[in-house]
Amino acid sequence: MTPDEVLDEFRGADALLEGHFILSSGLHSPVFLQKMRVFQDPARTERLCRALAEAIIDEFGEPDLIVSPAMGGIIPGYETARALGCHAIFVEREDGEFRLRRGFEIPAGARVVMVEDIVTTGLSSRECLTAIRAHPGELLGAACIIDRSNGRADVGAPLVSLLRMDVPAYPADALPPELAALPATKPGSRGLKK
C-alpha cells in the first residue's frame, strides 16, 4: 500500500479533519486523524493492517506476538496480528503506568512487535515499549499506521510505518495566528473526565 493509498483510506472514512485540534499529547494542530472513523469499517481496517503486517515482515521478519497500547492500539494491533497469524495482547494503564493485565504474558523467546495506531510524539509508544521490556521475549521493533512526526519521534525502538506525514503541532503558548483564531476542539479520548 502506498502512502497516498493510506491517506485515501482516511479521506474515504472522513477521518482526515482540518481545523484547530488539541492532540492527546497536549499539542495543538491544524490536522487531526480520527482513526476510529477508519477502524469502524472492518474492510478498510483489514486493508491497512494487512499492509502493516507486510511492512513488519519486510522490516523485522515474522513476529510471534503483537503488543499494543490500550485504547487506540487495540484494534490495529489485533487486526495486524490476524494478518500475521499470531496472537495480539495489549497493555493498559494501572496506577498511571502501562502494564500487562488480564492474564496476558510475553513468553521467553517470543519475537514481539509493538503496534500503534498513530505516532505523534512517541510517548505512548515509549511507555508501551517500557512495559514490554519488563518481560522476557525479544523486542523486534515497533510499527504504526501513520507517523505524524515524519520520523522525528523517538519511540525507543526501530519504527516502521505505512505513512510518514509532516503535520505541524504546536505548544499552546506558541500557536501561529491563523490557528489561534480558530476555536480548539479535543476529539481524542486521553484525559477525558470519568
N, C-alpha and C. Protein backbone atom coordinates (compact mmCIF):
# COMPACT_ATOMS: atom_id res chain seq x y z
N MET A 1 0.85 -1.18 0.00
CA MET A 1 0.00 0.00 0.00
C MET A 1 0.90 1.23 0.00
N THR A 2 0.61 2.16 -0.89
CA THR A 2 1.42 3.37 -0.98
C THR A 2 0.96 4.39 0.06
N PRO A 3 1.81 5.37 0.38
CA PRO A 3 1.37 6.43 1.30
C PRO A 3 0.09 7.13 0.84
N ASP A 4 -0.03 7.37 -0.46
CA ASP A 4 -1.25 8.02 -0.97
C ASP A 4 -2.48 7.15 -0.74
N GLU A 5 -2.32 5.83 -0.88
CA GLU A 5 -3.45 4.92 -0.64
C GLU A 5 -3.85 4.91 0.83
N VAL A 6 -2.86 5.04 1.72
CA VAL A 6 -3.16 5.14 3.15
C VAL A 6 -3.99 6.39 3.41
N LEU A 7 -3.55 7.53 2.88
CA LEU A 7 -4.31 8.77 3.05
C LEU A 7 -5.70 8.67 2.44
N ASP A 8 -5.81 7.98 1.31
CA ASP A 8 -7.12 7.79 0.69
C ASP A 8 -8.06 7.00 1.59
N GLU A 9 -7.53 6.04 2.35
CA GLU A 9 -8.37 5.30 3.31
C GLU A 9 -8.91 6.24 4.38
N PHE A 10 -8.07 7.15 4.85
CA PHE A 10 -8.52 8.11 5.86
C PHE A 10 -9.51 9.11 5.27
N ARG A 11 -9.22 9.59 4.06
CA ARG A 11 -10.16 10.51 3.40
C ARG A 11 -11.50 9.82 3.14
N GLY A 12 -11.45 8.57 2.67
CA GLY A 12 -12.66 7.82 2.37
C GLY A 12 -13.53 7.60 3.59
N ALA A 13 -12.93 7.59 4.77
CA ALA A 13 -13.68 7.41 6.02
C ALA A 13 -14.02 8.75 6.67
N ASP A 14 -13.76 9.86 5.98
CA ASP A 14 -13.94 11.20 6.56
C ASP A 14 -13.16 11.33 7.87
N ALA A 15 -11.94 10.80 7.87
CA ALA A 15 -11.13 10.76 9.09
C ALA A 15 -9.94 11.72 9.04
N LEU A 16 -9.78 12.46 7.95
CA LEU A 16 -8.72 13.45 7.83
C LEU A 16 -9.37 14.82 8.03
N LEU A 17 -9.28 15.33 9.27
CA LEU A 17 -10.01 16.54 9.65
C LEU A 17 -9.08 17.74 9.68
N GLU A 18 -9.61 18.89 9.31
CA GLU A 18 -8.86 20.14 9.36
C GLU A 18 -9.59 21.13 10.25
N GLY A 19 -8.83 21.91 11.02
CA GLY A 19 -9.39 22.89 11.95
C GLY A 19 -8.35 23.22 12.99
N HIS A 20 -8.74 23.27 14.26
CA HIS A 20 -7.83 23.51 15.38
C HIS A 20 -8.11 22.43 16.43
N PHE A 21 -7.15 21.55 16.59
CA PHE A 21 -7.34 20.38 17.44
C PHE A 21 -6.30 20.32 18.54
N ILE A 22 -6.73 19.90 19.72
CA ILE A 22 -5.81 19.62 20.82
C ILE A 22 -5.59 18.11 20.80
N LEU A 23 -4.34 17.72 20.55
CA LEU A 23 -4.00 16.30 20.45
C LEU A 23 -3.86 15.70 21.84
N SER A 24 -3.84 14.37 21.92
CA SER A 24 -3.70 13.72 23.23
C SER A 24 -2.36 14.06 23.88
N SER A 25 -1.38 14.48 23.10
CA SER A 25 -0.09 14.91 23.64
C SER A 25 -0.17 16.28 24.31
N GLY A 26 -1.29 17.01 24.07
CA GLY A 26 -1.43 18.36 24.58
C GLY A 26 -1.03 19.40 23.54
N LEU A 27 -0.38 18.97 22.47
CA LEU A 27 -0.02 19.89 21.39
C LEU A 27 -1.25 20.24 20.57
N HIS A 28 -1.17 21.35 19.86
CA HIS A 28 -2.26 21.83 19.01
C HIS A 28 -1.86 21.63 17.55
N SER A 29 -2.83 21.27 16.71
CA SER A 29 -2.53 21.00 15.31
C SER A 29 -3.70 21.41 14.42
N PRO A 30 -3.40 21.79 13.16
CA PRO A 30 -4.48 22.08 12.22
C PRO A 30 -5.05 20.82 11.56
N VAL A 31 -4.46 19.67 11.85
CA VAL A 31 -4.90 18.41 11.25
C VAL A 31 -5.12 17.38 12.35
N PHE A 32 -6.24 16.65 12.25
CA PHE A 32 -6.50 15.54 13.18
C PHE A 32 -6.88 14.32 12.37
N LEU A 33 -6.30 13.19 12.73
CA LEU A 33 -6.60 11.92 12.09
C LEU A 33 -7.55 11.15 13.01
N GLN A 34 -8.83 11.14 12.67
CA GLN A 34 -9.84 10.50 13.51
C GLN A 34 -9.88 9.01 13.16
N LYS A 35 -8.88 8.29 13.67
CA LYS A 35 -8.67 6.89 13.29
C LYS A 35 -9.87 6.00 13.59
N MET A 36 -10.67 6.32 14.59
CA MET A 36 -11.81 5.47 14.91
C MET A 36 -12.84 5.47 13.79
N ARG A 37 -12.88 6.53 12.99
CA ARG A 37 -13.74 6.52 11.81
C ARG A 37 -13.24 5.49 10.79
N VAL A 38 -11.94 5.29 10.74
CA VAL A 38 -11.35 4.27 9.88
C VAL A 38 -11.64 2.89 10.46
N PHE A 39 -11.39 2.74 11.76
CA PHE A 39 -11.50 1.43 12.41
C PHE A 39 -12.93 0.94 12.55
N GLN A 40 -13.94 1.80 12.34
CA GLN A 40 -15.32 1.32 12.38
C GLN A 40 -15.66 0.50 11.14
N ASP A 41 -14.81 0.55 10.12
CA ASP A 41 -15.03 -0.17 8.87
C ASP A 41 -14.07 -1.36 8.82
N PRO A 42 -14.56 -2.58 9.06
CA PRO A 42 -13.66 -3.74 9.09
C PRO A 42 -12.87 -3.95 7.80
N ALA A 43 -13.48 -3.72 6.65
CA ALA A 43 -12.76 -3.93 5.38
C ALA A 43 -11.62 -2.93 5.22
N ARG A 44 -11.86 -1.68 5.57
CA ARG A 44 -10.82 -0.63 5.49
C ARG A 44 -9.70 -0.94 6.49
N THR A 45 -10.09 -1.33 7.69
CA THR A 45 -9.10 -1.66 8.73
C THR A 45 -8.27 -2.86 8.29
N GLU A 46 -8.91 -3.86 7.71
CA GLU A 46 -8.18 -5.04 7.25
C GLU A 46 -7.15 -4.67 6.18
N ARG A 47 -7.52 -3.82 5.24
CA ARG A 47 -6.59 -3.41 4.18
C ARG A 47 -5.35 -2.73 4.78
N LEU A 48 -5.60 -1.79 5.68
CA LEU A 48 -4.48 -1.06 6.28
C LEU A 48 -3.59 -1.99 7.11
N CYS A 49 -4.20 -2.83 7.92
CA CYS A 49 -3.42 -3.68 8.82
C CYS A 49 -2.73 -4.83 8.08
N ARG A 50 -3.29 -5.29 6.98
CA ARG A 50 -2.61 -6.29 6.16
C ARG A 50 -1.34 -5.66 5.57
N ALA A 51 -1.45 -4.42 5.11
CA ALA A 51 -0.28 -3.71 4.59
C ALA A 51 0.75 -3.50 5.70
N LEU A 52 0.28 -3.19 6.92
CA LEU A 52 1.21 -3.01 8.04
C LEU A 52 1.89 -4.33 8.38
N ALA A 53 1.16 -5.43 8.33
CA ALA A 53 1.74 -6.75 8.57
C ALA A 53 2.85 -7.05 7.56
N GLU A 54 2.62 -6.72 6.30
CA GLU A 54 3.63 -6.93 5.27
C GLU A 54 4.87 -6.08 5.53
N ALA A 55 4.66 -4.83 5.97
CA ALA A 55 5.78 -3.95 6.29
C ALA A 55 6.57 -4.49 7.49
N ILE A 56 5.87 -5.05 8.46
CA ILE A 56 6.53 -5.65 9.63
C ILE A 56 7.41 -6.81 9.19
N ILE A 57 6.87 -7.69 8.38
CA ILE A 57 7.66 -8.84 7.91
C ILE A 57 8.87 -8.37 7.13
N ASP A 58 8.69 -7.38 6.25
CA ASP A 58 9.81 -6.86 5.47
C ASP A 58 10.90 -6.28 6.36
N GLU A 59 10.50 -5.61 7.44
CA GLU A 59 11.47 -4.92 8.31
C GLU A 59 12.05 -5.81 9.40
N PHE A 60 11.21 -6.64 10.03
CA PHE A 60 11.62 -7.37 11.23
C PHE A 60 11.57 -8.89 11.10
N GLY A 61 10.96 -9.40 10.05
CA GLY A 61 10.69 -10.83 9.97
C GLY A 61 9.36 -11.12 10.64
N GLU A 62 9.05 -12.41 10.79
CA GLU A 62 7.75 -12.79 11.35
C GLU A 62 7.77 -12.77 12.87
N PRO A 63 6.88 -11.99 13.49
CA PRO A 63 6.78 -11.98 14.95
C PRO A 63 5.91 -13.12 15.45
N ASP A 64 6.05 -13.42 16.74
CA ASP A 64 5.19 -14.39 17.41
C ASP A 64 4.04 -13.71 18.13
N LEU A 65 4.20 -12.42 18.42
CA LEU A 65 3.25 -11.73 19.29
C LEU A 65 3.24 -10.24 18.95
N ILE A 66 2.04 -9.68 18.91
CA ILE A 66 1.85 -8.23 18.76
C ILE A 66 1.36 -7.70 20.10
N VAL A 67 1.98 -6.62 20.57
CA VAL A 67 1.56 -5.95 21.80
C VAL A 67 1.23 -4.51 21.45
N SER A 68 0.09 -4.03 21.92
CA SER A 68 -0.35 -2.67 21.62
C SER A 68 -0.74 -1.94 22.89
N PRO A 69 -0.69 -0.60 22.85
CA PRO A 69 -1.19 0.18 23.98
C PRO A 69 -2.70 0.38 23.88
N ALA A 70 -3.39 0.21 25.01
CA ALA A 70 -4.82 0.50 25.06
C ALA A 70 -4.97 2.02 25.09
N MET A 71 -5.84 2.54 24.50
CA MET A 71 -7.04 2.07 23.87
C MET A 71 -6.85 2.05 22.35
N GLY A 72 -6.21 3.10 21.84
CA GLY A 72 -6.14 3.28 20.40
C GLY A 72 -5.43 2.20 19.63
N GLY A 73 -4.49 1.50 20.25
CA GLY A 73 -3.73 0.49 19.54
C GLY A 73 -4.37 -0.89 19.50
N ILE A 74 -5.46 -1.10 20.24
CA ILE A 74 -6.04 -2.44 20.34
C ILE A 74 -6.55 -2.94 18.98
N ILE A 75 -7.33 -2.13 18.28
CA ILE A 75 -7.90 -2.60 17.01
C ILE A 75 -6.81 -2.84 15.97
N PRO A 76 -5.91 -1.88 15.70
CA PRO A 76 -4.89 -2.17 14.69
C PRO A 76 -3.93 -3.29 15.14
N GLY A 77 -3.69 -3.41 16.43
CA GLY A 77 -2.84 -4.50 16.92
C GLY A 77 -3.47 -5.84 16.65
N TYR A 78 -4.75 -5.97 16.96
CA TYR A 78 -5.47 -7.22 16.74
C TYR A 78 -5.52 -7.57 15.26
N GLU A 79 -5.90 -6.60 14.45
CA GLU A 79 -6.07 -6.86 13.02
C GLU A 79 -4.73 -7.16 12.34
N THR A 80 -3.66 -6.51 12.79
CA THR A 80 -2.32 -6.79 12.24
C THR A 80 -1.88 -8.19 12.64
N ALA A 81 -2.15 -8.56 13.89
CA ALA A 81 -1.82 -9.92 14.34
C ALA A 81 -2.61 -10.95 13.55
N ARG A 82 -3.85 -10.66 13.26
CA ARG A 82 -4.67 -11.59 12.46
C ARG A 82 -4.04 -11.80 11.09
N ALA A 83 -3.58 -10.71 10.46
CA ALA A 83 -2.95 -10.82 9.15
C ALA A 83 -1.63 -11.59 9.23
N LEU A 84 -0.96 -11.49 10.38
CA LEU A 84 0.32 -12.19 10.57
C LEU A 84 0.14 -13.63 11.04
N GLY A 85 -1.05 -13.97 11.51
CA GLY A 85 -1.30 -15.31 12.04
C GLY A 85 -0.69 -15.53 13.41
N CYS A 86 -0.63 -14.46 14.21
CA CYS A 86 -0.08 -14.60 15.57
C CYS A 86 -1.06 -14.00 16.57
N HIS A 87 -0.74 -14.07 17.85
CA HIS A 87 -1.60 -13.53 18.90
C HIS A 87 -1.39 -12.04 19.08
N ALA A 88 -2.40 -11.39 19.63
CA ALA A 88 -2.36 -9.97 19.96
C ALA A 88 -2.76 -9.80 21.41
N ILE A 89 -1.98 -9.01 22.13
CA ILE A 89 -2.32 -8.63 23.51
C ILE A 89 -2.12 -7.13 23.63
N PHE A 90 -2.51 -6.57 24.78
CA PHE A 90 -2.33 -5.13 24.95
C PHE A 90 -1.95 -4.82 26.38
N VAL A 91 -1.32 -3.66 26.53
CA VAL A 91 -1.02 -3.12 27.84
C VAL A 91 -2.07 -2.05 28.12
N GLU A 92 -2.35 -1.84 29.40
CA GLU A 92 -3.28 -0.79 29.79
C GLU A 92 -2.77 -0.13 31.05
N ARG A 93 -3.26 1.05 31.31
CA ARG A 93 -2.76 1.81 32.46
C ARG A 93 -3.29 1.24 33.77
N GLU A 94 -2.36 1.11 34.70
CA GLU A 94 -2.67 0.72 36.07
C GLU A 94 -1.77 1.58 36.95
N ASP A 95 -2.37 2.39 37.80
CA ASP A 95 -1.61 3.34 38.62
C ASP A 95 -0.74 4.25 37.75
N GLY A 96 -1.28 4.64 36.59
CA GLY A 96 -0.60 5.58 35.72
C GLY A 96 0.46 5.01 34.80
N GLU A 97 0.72 3.70 34.87
CA GLU A 97 1.75 3.08 34.03
C GLU A 97 1.14 1.94 33.23
N PHE A 98 1.67 1.75 32.01
CA PHE A 98 1.24 0.63 31.19
C PHE A 98 1.73 -0.67 31.80
N ARG A 99 0.83 -1.65 31.87
CA ARG A 99 1.16 -2.98 32.37
C ARG A 99 0.33 -4.01 31.61
N LEU A 100 0.87 -5.23 31.56
CA LEU A 100 0.07 -6.34 31.08
C LEU A 100 -0.89 -6.73 32.19
N ARG A 101 -2.14 -6.96 31.85
CA ARG A 101 -3.14 -7.39 32.80
C ARG A 101 -3.94 -8.52 32.16
N ARG A 102 -5.05 -8.91 32.73
CA ARG A 102 -5.99 -9.88 32.16
C ARG A 102 -5.35 -11.24 31.88
N GLY A 103 -4.26 -11.56 32.56
CA GLY A 103 -3.60 -12.83 32.34
C GLY A 103 -2.68 -12.84 31.14
N PHE A 104 -2.49 -11.69 30.48
CA PHE A 104 -1.59 -11.63 29.34
C PHE A 104 -0.15 -11.82 29.80
N GLU A 105 0.65 -12.46 28.97
CA GLU A 105 2.08 -12.59 29.27
C GLU A 105 2.86 -12.65 27.96
N ILE A 106 4.13 -12.35 28.09
CA ILE A 106 5.06 -12.44 26.97
C ILE A 106 6.01 -13.58 27.29
N PRO A 107 5.90 -14.70 26.59
CA PRO A 107 6.75 -15.85 26.89
C PRO A 107 8.22 -15.58 26.55
N ALA A 108 9.10 -16.23 27.27
CA ALA A 108 10.53 -16.13 26.97
C ALA A 108 10.75 -16.59 25.53
N GLY A 109 11.56 -15.83 24.81
CA GLY A 109 11.90 -16.18 23.44
C GLY A 109 10.90 -15.70 22.40
N ALA A 110 9.73 -15.19 22.82
CA ALA A 110 8.74 -14.71 21.85
C ALA A 110 9.28 -13.50 21.11
N ARG A 111 9.11 -13.50 19.81
CA ARG A 111 9.51 -12.36 18.97
C ARG A 111 8.34 -11.38 18.94
N VAL A 112 8.56 -10.19 19.50
CA VAL A 112 7.48 -9.23 19.77
C VAL A 112 7.64 -7.97 18.93
N VAL A 113 6.52 -7.51 18.38
CA VAL A 113 6.45 -6.20 17.73
C VAL A 113 5.34 -5.41 18.40
N MET A 114 5.63 -4.17 18.74
CA MET A 114 4.62 -3.27 19.29
C MET A 114 3.91 -2.60 18.12
N VAL A 115 2.58 -2.63 18.10
CA VAL A 115 1.80 -1.98 17.05
C VAL A 115 0.96 -0.87 17.66
N GLU A 116 1.08 0.30 17.07
CA GLU A 116 0.39 1.51 17.50
C GLU A 116 -0.45 2.01 16.32
N ASP A 117 -1.42 2.83 16.59
CA ASP A 117 -2.23 3.39 15.52
C ASP A 117 -1.50 4.56 14.85
N ILE A 118 -1.32 5.64 15.59
CA ILE A 118 -0.69 6.86 15.06
C ILE A 118 0.34 7.34 16.07
N VAL A 119 1.52 7.67 15.59
CA VAL A 119 2.58 8.21 16.44
C VAL A 119 2.68 9.71 16.18
N THR A 120 2.66 10.49 17.26
CA THR A 120 2.86 11.94 17.15
C THR A 120 4.15 12.32 17.88
N THR A 121 4.17 12.18 19.19
CA THR A 121 5.39 12.47 19.96
C THR A 121 6.15 11.20 20.30
N GLY A 122 5.47 10.06 20.26
CA GLY A 122 6.07 8.78 20.61
C GLY A 122 5.92 8.41 22.07
N LEU A 123 5.26 9.25 22.88
CA LEU A 123 5.16 8.99 24.31
C LEU A 123 4.46 7.66 24.61
N SER A 124 3.29 7.43 24.05
CA SER A 124 2.56 6.17 24.32
C SER A 124 3.39 4.97 23.87
N SER A 125 4.05 5.10 22.74
CA SER A 125 4.87 4.00 22.24
C SER A 125 6.03 3.72 23.19
N ARG A 126 6.70 4.76 23.65
CA ARG A 126 7.81 4.56 24.60
C ARG A 126 7.33 3.89 25.88
N GLU A 127 6.17 4.34 26.38
CA GLU A 127 5.63 3.75 27.60
C GLU A 127 5.25 2.29 27.37
N CYS A 128 4.68 1.99 26.22
CA CYS A 128 4.32 0.61 25.89
C CYS A 128 5.57 -0.26 25.79
N LEU A 129 6.60 0.26 25.13
CA LEU A 129 7.84 -0.50 24.98
C LEU A 129 8.52 -0.75 26.33
N THR A 130 8.42 0.20 27.24
CA THR A 130 8.96 0.00 28.59
C THR A 130 8.26 -1.17 29.26
N ALA A 131 6.94 -1.23 29.11
CA ALA A 131 6.17 -2.34 29.70
C ALA A 131 6.56 -3.67 29.05
N ILE A 132 6.75 -3.67 27.75
CA ILE A 132 7.13 -4.90 27.05
C ILE A 132 8.50 -5.38 27.54
N ARG A 133 9.43 -4.45 27.70
CA ARG A 133 10.80 -4.81 28.10
C ARG A 133 10.87 -5.35 29.53
N ALA A 134 9.82 -5.19 30.30
CA ALA A 134 9.79 -5.73 31.66
C ALA A 134 9.53 -7.24 31.66
N HIS A 135 9.34 -7.83 30.49
CA HIS A 135 9.02 -9.25 30.36
C HIS A 135 10.05 -9.93 29.47
N PRO A 136 10.17 -11.26 29.60
CA PRO A 136 11.07 -11.96 28.68
C PRO A 136 10.51 -11.89 27.26
N GLY A 137 11.31 -12.16 26.32
CA GLY A 137 10.89 -12.06 24.93
C GLY A 137 11.86 -11.16 24.19
N GLU A 138 11.83 -11.24 22.89
CA GLU A 138 12.74 -10.45 22.06
C GLU A 138 11.95 -9.36 21.36
N LEU A 139 12.19 -8.12 21.73
CA LEU A 139 11.52 -7.00 21.09
C LEU A 139 12.19 -6.73 19.75
N LEU A 140 11.44 -6.90 18.67
CA LEU A 140 11.98 -6.67 17.33
C LEU A 140 11.90 -5.20 16.93
N GLY A 141 10.84 -4.54 17.32
CA GLY A 141 10.66 -3.15 16.95
C GLY A 141 9.22 -2.73 17.11
N ALA A 142 8.89 -1.60 16.48
CA ALA A 142 7.57 -1.00 16.60
C ALA A 142 7.03 -0.69 15.21
N ALA A 143 5.70 -0.62 15.12
CA ALA A 143 5.05 -0.32 13.85
C ALA A 143 3.81 0.52 14.11
N CYS A 144 3.48 1.39 13.15
CA CYS A 144 2.28 2.19 13.24
C CYS A 144 1.71 2.41 11.85
N ILE A 145 0.45 2.76 11.80
CA ILE A 145 -0.17 3.05 10.52
C ILE A 145 0.35 4.38 10.00
N ILE A 146 0.30 5.42 10.83
CA ILE A 146 0.77 6.74 10.41
C ILE A 146 1.72 7.31 11.46
N ASP A 147 2.85 7.80 10.99
CA ASP A 147 3.83 8.51 11.81
C ASP A 147 3.67 10.00 11.50
N ARG A 148 2.93 10.70 12.36
CA ARG A 148 2.69 12.14 12.17
C ARG A 148 3.96 12.96 12.36
N SER A 149 4.98 12.39 12.96
CA SER A 149 6.21 13.14 13.23
C SER A 149 7.17 13.13 12.04
N ASN A 150 6.82 12.42 10.98
CA ASN A 150 7.68 12.30 9.80
C ASN A 150 9.04 11.73 10.17
N GLY A 151 9.05 10.79 11.12
CA GLY A 151 10.29 10.13 11.51
C GLY A 151 11.05 10.81 12.64
N ARG A 152 10.56 11.94 13.14
CA ARG A 152 11.28 12.67 14.19
C ARG A 152 11.04 12.12 15.60
N ALA A 153 9.90 11.48 15.83
CA ALA A 153 9.58 10.96 17.17
C ALA A 153 10.50 9.79 17.49
N ASP A 154 11.07 9.82 18.68
CA ASP A 154 11.89 8.71 19.16
C ASP A 154 10.99 7.81 20.00
N VAL A 155 10.61 6.66 19.45
CA VAL A 155 9.75 5.77 20.20
C VAL A 155 10.54 4.79 21.07
N GLY A 156 11.84 4.75 20.88
CA GLY A 156 12.67 3.87 21.70
C GLY A 156 12.98 2.53 21.06
N ALA A 157 12.64 2.38 19.78
CA ALA A 157 12.92 1.15 19.03
C ALA A 157 12.80 1.49 17.55
N PRO A 158 13.32 0.66 16.68
CA PRO A 158 13.11 0.90 15.25
C PRO A 158 11.61 0.93 14.95
N LEU A 159 11.19 1.90 14.13
CA LEU A 159 9.77 2.10 13.83
C LEU A 159 9.52 2.00 12.33
N VAL A 160 8.56 1.17 11.97
CA VAL A 160 8.10 1.09 10.58
C VAL A 160 6.68 1.64 10.54
N SER A 161 6.36 2.40 9.47
CA SER A 161 5.01 2.95 9.33
C SER A 161 4.58 2.85 7.87
N LEU A 162 3.27 2.91 7.67
CA LEU A 162 2.75 2.92 6.30
C LEU A 162 2.84 4.30 5.68
N LEU A 163 2.81 5.33 6.51
CA LEU A 163 2.84 6.70 6.01
C LEU A 163 3.53 7.59 7.03
N ARG A 164 4.48 8.36 6.54
CA ARG A 164 5.09 9.42 7.34
C ARG A 164 4.51 10.74 6.87
N MET A 165 3.97 11.49 7.81
CA MET A 165 3.40 12.80 7.49
C MET A 165 4.15 13.87 8.27
N ASP A 166 4.29 15.02 7.65
CA ASP A 166 4.88 16.16 8.35
C ASP A 166 3.75 17.10 8.72
N VAL A 167 3.08 16.78 9.83
CA VAL A 167 1.93 17.56 10.28
C VAL A 167 2.40 18.46 11.42
N PRO A 168 2.22 19.76 11.28
CA PRO A 168 2.68 20.65 12.35
C PRO A 168 1.88 20.44 13.64
N ALA A 169 2.58 20.58 14.75
CA ALA A 169 1.96 20.53 16.08
C ALA A 169 2.69 21.55 16.94
N TYR A 170 1.92 22.30 17.72
CA TYR A 170 2.48 23.43 18.46
C TYR A 170 2.09 23.37 19.94
N PRO A 171 2.99 23.84 20.81
CA PRO A 171 2.58 24.04 22.22
C PRO A 171 1.51 25.13 22.28
N ALA A 172 0.68 25.08 23.30
CA ALA A 172 -0.43 26.04 23.43
C ALA A 172 0.05 27.48 23.46
N ASP A 173 1.25 27.73 23.95
CA ASP A 173 1.75 29.10 24.05
C ASP A 173 2.55 29.54 22.82
N ALA A 174 2.52 28.74 21.74
CA ALA A 174 3.28 29.09 20.53
C ALA A 174 2.45 28.84 19.27
N LEU A 175 1.16 29.14 19.34
CA LEU A 175 0.29 28.90 18.19
C LEU A 175 0.49 29.97 17.12
N PRO A 176 0.51 29.56 15.85
CA PRO A 176 0.52 30.58 14.79
C PRO A 176 -0.82 31.32 14.80
N PRO A 177 -0.84 32.57 14.38
CA PRO A 177 -2.08 33.37 14.47
C PRO A 177 -3.28 32.74 13.78
N GLU A 178 -3.07 32.11 12.61
CA GLU A 178 -4.21 31.51 11.89
C GLU A 178 -4.82 30.35 12.66
N LEU A 179 -4.02 29.62 13.43
CA LEU A 179 -4.54 28.52 14.24
C LEU A 179 -5.19 29.08 15.51
N ALA A 180 -4.56 30.06 16.13
CA ALA A 180 -5.10 30.66 17.35
C ALA A 180 -6.47 31.30 17.11
N ALA A 181 -6.73 31.73 15.87
CA ALA A 181 -8.00 32.38 15.55
C ALA A 181 -9.17 31.40 15.48
N LEU A 182 -8.89 30.10 15.42
CA LEU A 182 -9.94 29.08 15.33
C LEU A 182 -10.25 28.51 16.71
N PRO A 183 -11.51 28.16 16.97
CA PRO A 183 -11.83 27.51 18.26
C PRO A 183 -11.20 26.11 18.29
N ALA A 184 -10.65 25.75 19.42
CA ALA A 184 -9.98 24.45 19.58
C ALA A 184 -10.96 23.39 20.03
N THR A 185 -10.81 22.19 19.48
CA THR A 185 -11.58 21.03 19.92
C THR A 185 -10.61 19.92 20.27
N LYS A 186 -11.03 19.05 21.18
CA LYS A 186 -10.21 17.91 21.58
C LYS A 186 -10.99 16.64 21.25
N PRO A 187 -10.76 16.10 20.04
CA PRO A 187 -11.54 14.93 19.62
C PRO A 187 -11.05 13.60 20.16
N GLY A 188 -9.85 13.54 20.72
CA GLY A 188 -9.32 12.27 21.24
C GLY A 188 -9.90 11.91 22.58
N SER A 189 -9.46 10.77 23.13
CA SER A 189 -10.04 10.29 24.38
C SER A 189 -9.14 10.46 25.59
N ARG A 190 -7.83 10.65 25.41
CA ARG A 190 -6.95 10.75 26.58
C ARG A 190 -7.31 11.99 27.39
N GLY A 191 -7.41 11.78 28.68
CA GLY A 191 -7.67 12.90 29.59
C GLY A 191 -9.15 13.23 29.78
N LEU A 192 -10.05 12.45 29.20
CA LEU A 192 -11.46 12.72 29.43
C LEU A 192 -11.81 12.45 30.88
N LYS A 193 -12.67 13.25 31.43
CA LYS A 193 -13.10 13.07 32.83
C LYS A 193 -14.00 11.85 32.92
N LYS A 194 -13.91 11.15 34.03
CA LYS A 194 -14.76 9.96 34.23
C LYS A 194 -16.05 10.35 34.90
